[in-house]
Protein backbone atom coordinates (compact mmCIF):
# COMPACT_ATOMS: atom_id res chain seq x y z
CA MET A 1 26.27 -8.74 24.16
CA PHE A 2 25.94 -8.67 20.30
CA GLU A 3 23.73 -12.28 20.07
CA GLU A 4 21.22 -10.64 22.35
CA LEU A 5 20.30 -8.22 19.41
CA PRO A 6 17.54 -8.52 17.07
CA SER A 7 18.53 -9.75 13.19
CA LEU A 8 18.53 -6.67 10.39
CA CYS A 9 17.46 -6.42 7.25
CA PRO A 10 19.71 -4.25 4.38
CA VAL A 11 16.91 -3.02 4.24
CA GLN A 12 16.43 -1.33 7.63
CA PHE A 13 20.29 0.92 6.46
CA PHE A 14 18.48 3.07 4.39
CA GLY A 15 15.63 4.84 3.53
CA ILE A 16 13.52 3.43 0.37
CA SER A 17 11.80 6.13 -2.17
CA ALA A 18 10.24 5.27 -5.44
CA ASP A 19 8.81 7.84 -8.08
CA CYS A 20 5.58 7.65 -8.43
CA LEU A 21 4.02 9.49 -11.56
CA PHE A 22 1.33 12.21 -12.71
CA LEU A 23 -1.53 10.70 -14.71
CA GLY A 24 -3.96 12.81 -16.11
CA LYS A 25 -6.62 11.15 -16.74
CA GLY A 26 -8.34 7.48 -17.88
CA ALA A 27 -7.41 4.76 -15.45
CA LEU A 28 -3.46 3.22 -14.50
CA LYS A 29 -1.69 0.56 -17.20
CA ALA A 30 0.75 -1.70 -16.90
CA ASP A 31 2.71 0.41 -18.08
CA LYS A 32 6.62 0.11 -16.52
CA GLN A 33 7.10 3.96 -16.57
CA TYR A 34 4.30 3.38 -13.40
CA LEU A 35 5.99 0.26 -11.50
CA ILE A 36 7.33 0.52 -8.25
CA SER A 37 10.38 -1.68 -7.99
CA THR A 38 10.61 -4.28 -5.26
CA THR A 39 12.07 -4.68 -2.65
CA SER A 40 11.62 -8.72 -1.98
CA ASP A 41 15.64 -9.22 -2.90
CA LEU A 42 16.35 -7.15 0.55
CA LEU A 43 13.44 -8.31 2.91
CA ASN A 44 14.45 -11.83 1.66
CA GLU A 45 10.81 -12.26 0.07
CA GLU A 46 9.84 -14.37 -2.97
CA PRO A 47 7.87 -11.23 -5.01
CA PHE A 48 4.47 -12.77 -6.79
CA SER A 49 3.37 -9.07 -7.75
CA ASP A 50 3.44 -5.99 -10.15
CA VAL A 51 2.59 -3.11 -7.75
CA TYR A 52 2.16 0.58 -10.22
CA ALA A 53 0.94 3.16 -8.69
CA ALA A 54 -0.05 7.38 -10.19
CA TRP A 55 -1.27 10.37 -8.91
CA ASN A 56 -3.61 13.54 -10.04
CA PHE A 57 -4.79 16.05 -8.09
CA GLU A 58 -7.91 14.41 -7.33
CA LYS A 59 -7.30 10.48 -6.36
CA LEU A 60 -4.14 8.09 -6.00
CA PHE A 61 -4.08 5.46 -8.62
CA PHE A 62 -3.12 1.46 -7.95
CA LEU A 63 -2.82 -1.37 -10.44
CA ILE A 64 -1.79 -4.14 -7.74
CA ASP A 65 -0.87 -7.16 -11.13
CA VAL A 66 -0.82 -11.09 -8.64
CA HIS A 67 0.92 -13.65 -10.91
CA LEU A 68 -1.04 -16.71 -8.45
CA PRO A 69 -4.99 -17.62 -9.11
CA PHE A 70 -6.97 -16.00 -6.61
CA GLN A 71 -7.45 -19.11 -3.78
CA HIS A 72 -10.16 -17.68 -1.58
CA LEU A 73 -10.88 -14.85 1.01
CA GLY A 74 -9.20 -14.72 4.60
CA ASN A 75 -12.17 -16.23 7.48
CA GLY A 76 -11.84 -14.22 10.43
CA ASP A 77 -7.75 -13.48 9.34
CA LEU A 78 -7.67 -11.09 6.09
CA ARG A 79 -3.89 -12.18 5.66
CA SER A 80 -4.98 -15.59 5.69
CA GLY A 81 -6.54 -15.27 2.36
CA ASP A 82 -6.04 -13.03 -0.66
CA SER A 83 -6.15 -9.10 -0.34
CA VAL A 84 -4.05 -5.93 -0.88
CA GLU A 85 -3.02 -3.85 1.94
CA LEU A 86 -2.07 -0.07 1.03
CA PHE A 87 -0.69 2.00 4.39
CA ILE A 88 -0.24 5.60 3.04
CA ASP A 89 1.10 8.88 5.42
CA THR A 90 0.15 12.27 3.34
CA ARG A 91 2.81 13.87 5.05
CA ASP A 92 5.68 11.07 5.23
CA LEU A 93 6.12 11.83 8.86
CA LYS A 94 9.60 10.34 9.53
CA SER A 95 9.79 11.51 13.07
CA LYS A 96 6.00 10.77 14.13
CA GLY A 97 5.95 7.44 16.05
CA THR A 98 2.32 6.43 16.03
CA ILE A 99 -0.54 6.94 13.41
CA SER A 100 -1.66 9.37 13.38
CA ARG A 101 -4.59 11.89 11.42
CA PHE A 102 -2.08 11.93 7.99
CA CYS A 103 -2.08 8.62 8.32
CA HIS A 104 -4.34 5.29 5.75
CA HIS A 105 -4.74 1.63 6.34
CA PHE A 106 -6.84 0.17 3.13
CA VAL A 107 -7.43 -2.95 2.01
CA PHE A 108 -8.80 -4.20 -0.89
CA TYR A 109 -10.14 -7.56 -2.21
CA PRO A 110 -10.52 -9.58 -5.44
CA ALA A 111 -14.20 -10.27 -4.23
CA GLU A 112 -16.73 -8.69 -2.57
CA VAL A 113 -16.48 -8.39 1.00
CA GLN A 114 -20.07 -7.17 2.44
CA GLY A 115 -20.87 -5.55 -1.27
CA PHE A 116 -17.86 -3.39 -0.93
CA TYR A 117 -14.19 -4.53 -2.50
CA GLY A 118 -12.41 -2.07 -0.05
CA ARG A 119 -12.64 -0.60 2.85
CA GLU A 120 -10.68 1.87 5.46
CA ALA A 121 -9.21 0.02 8.38
CA THR A 122 -6.77 2.21 9.91
CA ARG A 123 -6.71 2.37 13.77
CA PHE A 124 -5.62 5.20 15.81
CA ARG A 125 -3.35 5.18 19.30
CA ASN A 126 -4.27 9.06 20.35
CA GLU A 127 -6.56 11.45 19.72
CA ASP A 128 -5.04 12.67 16.24
CA VAL A 129 -7.66 10.50 13.90
CA HIS A 130 -9.76 11.56 11.05
CA ARG A 131 -13.57 9.78 10.02
CA LEU A 132 -12.73 6.20 7.87
CA CYS A 133 -13.91 7.27 4.47
CA HIS A 134 -17.04 5.29 3.66
CA PRO A 135 -16.16 2.00 1.37
CA GLU A 136 -18.46 3.41 -1.13
CA ASP A 137 -15.50 6.05 -2.15
CA LEU A 138 -13.10 3.51 -3.23
CA ASN A 139 -13.22 2.69 -6.75
CA VAL A 140 -12.22 -0.76 -6.92
CA VAL A 141 -11.86 -2.78 -10.83
CA PRO A 142 -10.78 -7.01 -9.83
CA LYS A 143 -10.02 -8.86 -13.06
CA ILE A 144 -9.73 -12.32 -12.50
CA LYS A 145 -8.29 -15.04 -14.84
CA ALA A 146 -7.31 -18.69 -14.46
CA LYS A 147 -4.11 -18.22 -13.10
CA SER A 148 -3.64 -14.50 -12.05
CA TYR A 149 -5.69 -11.71 -10.64
CA SER A 150 -5.49 -7.65 -11.07
CA LEU A 151 -7.09 -5.23 -8.88
CA GLY A 152 -7.51 -1.91 -10.24
CA ILE A 153 -7.43 0.97 -7.65
CA GLU A 154 -8.76 4.36 -7.42
CA ILE A 155 -8.53 6.58 -4.00
CA PRO A 156 -10.40 10.08 -4.30
CA ALA A 157 -8.44 13.19 -2.33
CA GLN A 158 -11.70 12.75 0.04
CA CYS A 159 -10.96 9.61 1.23
CA LEU A 160 -6.83 10.99 1.69
CA THR A 161 -7.00 13.38 5.09
CA GLY A 162 -4.12 15.75 4.50
CA PHE A 163 -3.20 15.11 1.07
CA ASP A 164 -1.77 18.46 -0.65
CA PRO A 165 0.68 17.76 -3.40
CA MET A 166 2.00 21.24 -3.85
CA SER A 167 3.06 21.70 -0.28
CA PHE A 168 3.74 18.39 0.19
CA PRO A 169 4.73 16.17 -2.55
CA ARG A 170 6.35 13.01 -1.15
CA LEU A 171 3.74 10.29 0.98
CA GLY A 172 4.90 7.83 3.45
CA PHE A 173 4.28 4.27 1.68
CA THR A 174 3.88 0.64 1.97
CA TYR A 175 1.94 -2.43 1.12
CA ARG A 176 1.52 -6.14 2.01
CA ILE A 177 -0.13 -8.45 -0.51
CA ASN A 178 -1.16 -10.90 1.24
CA ARG A 179 -1.71 -15.02 -0.51
CA ALA A 180 -3.33 -17.79 0.67
CA GLY A 181 -1.12 -20.46 1.90
CA GLY A 182 2.11 -18.37 1.41
CA SER A 183 4.37 -15.84 3.02
CA PRO A 184 3.22 -12.22 1.72
CA GLN A 185 4.78 -9.12 0.06
CA HIS A 186 5.92 -6.09 1.00
CA PHE A 187 7.44 -2.77 0.41
CA ALA A 188 10.44 -1.41 2.47
CA VAL A 189 9.68 -3.17 5.43
CA SER A 190 8.29 -6.37 6.42
CA SER A 191 5.92 -7.43 8.95
CA GLU A 192 8.22 -10.05 10.48
CA GLU A 193 10.44 -6.98 11.43
CA PHE A 194 7.57 -4.79 12.72
CA VAL A 195 4.02 -4.43 13.52
CA ILE A 196 3.42 -1.97 9.61
CA GLU A 197 -0.01 -0.69 10.96
CA GLN A 198 1.40 0.97 13.35
CA HIS A 199 4.84 2.30 13.03
CA PRO A 200 4.37 4.61 9.80
CA ALA A 201 8.25 5.98 10.77
CA THR A 202 8.67 2.76 9.22
CA TRP A 203 7.11 2.86 5.57
CA GLY A 204 9.36 3.80 2.54
CA THR A 205 8.49 6.91 0.36
CA LEU A 206 6.34 7.89 -2.99
CA LYS A 207 7.94 10.86 -4.51
CA LEU A 208 4.91 12.76 -5.82
CA ILE A 209 5.91 13.58 -10.00
CA GLU A 210 4.23 16.02 -11.31
CA GLN A 211 5.10 16.34 -15.07
CA GLU A 212 4.27 13.17 -17.38
CA ARG A 213 6.83 10.88 -19.06
């Protein structure tokens, strides 16, 4: 009987959460107080990126530092090239089995795709939907170096249906950082185990800490 059960990763036995600190003004920098701890060891992955996150009442901030050179974008399949996917549930509804209007799937690139560096790619499975944000509302600053690249990302509150930090100071959150020719890096849940864009209950949690440190 037990031979028929799928193998489980250690991360599946407990919820994963991380603090997300308040950022009053300015751009998010690679400061360790904003660093989200990697869960790669629990997911049996090779980490190759550092992810920083912060928030204020107007937007969410992310800085993705990839310690590999930018190679190329996926041709028709974003996961076959270099890209960053962020998954956010503004209500952190762990009991919700499907994508709701509070769930968001964003994709960001180190180079322009159809004139933009980012877009919302949320796919809903029922009538509980929101209008996808326009790519021009997403602020993305790529920096390409010889052996690495980074993406500075700002997602304004208008692109986050249900974003209300005073009433809901937690976000459902995970990411998938794709690399050309290699396996991706995740937070909290792996694509090898779940179709993460369809199962928000498996995402981790960002706790919105209001005071700056």
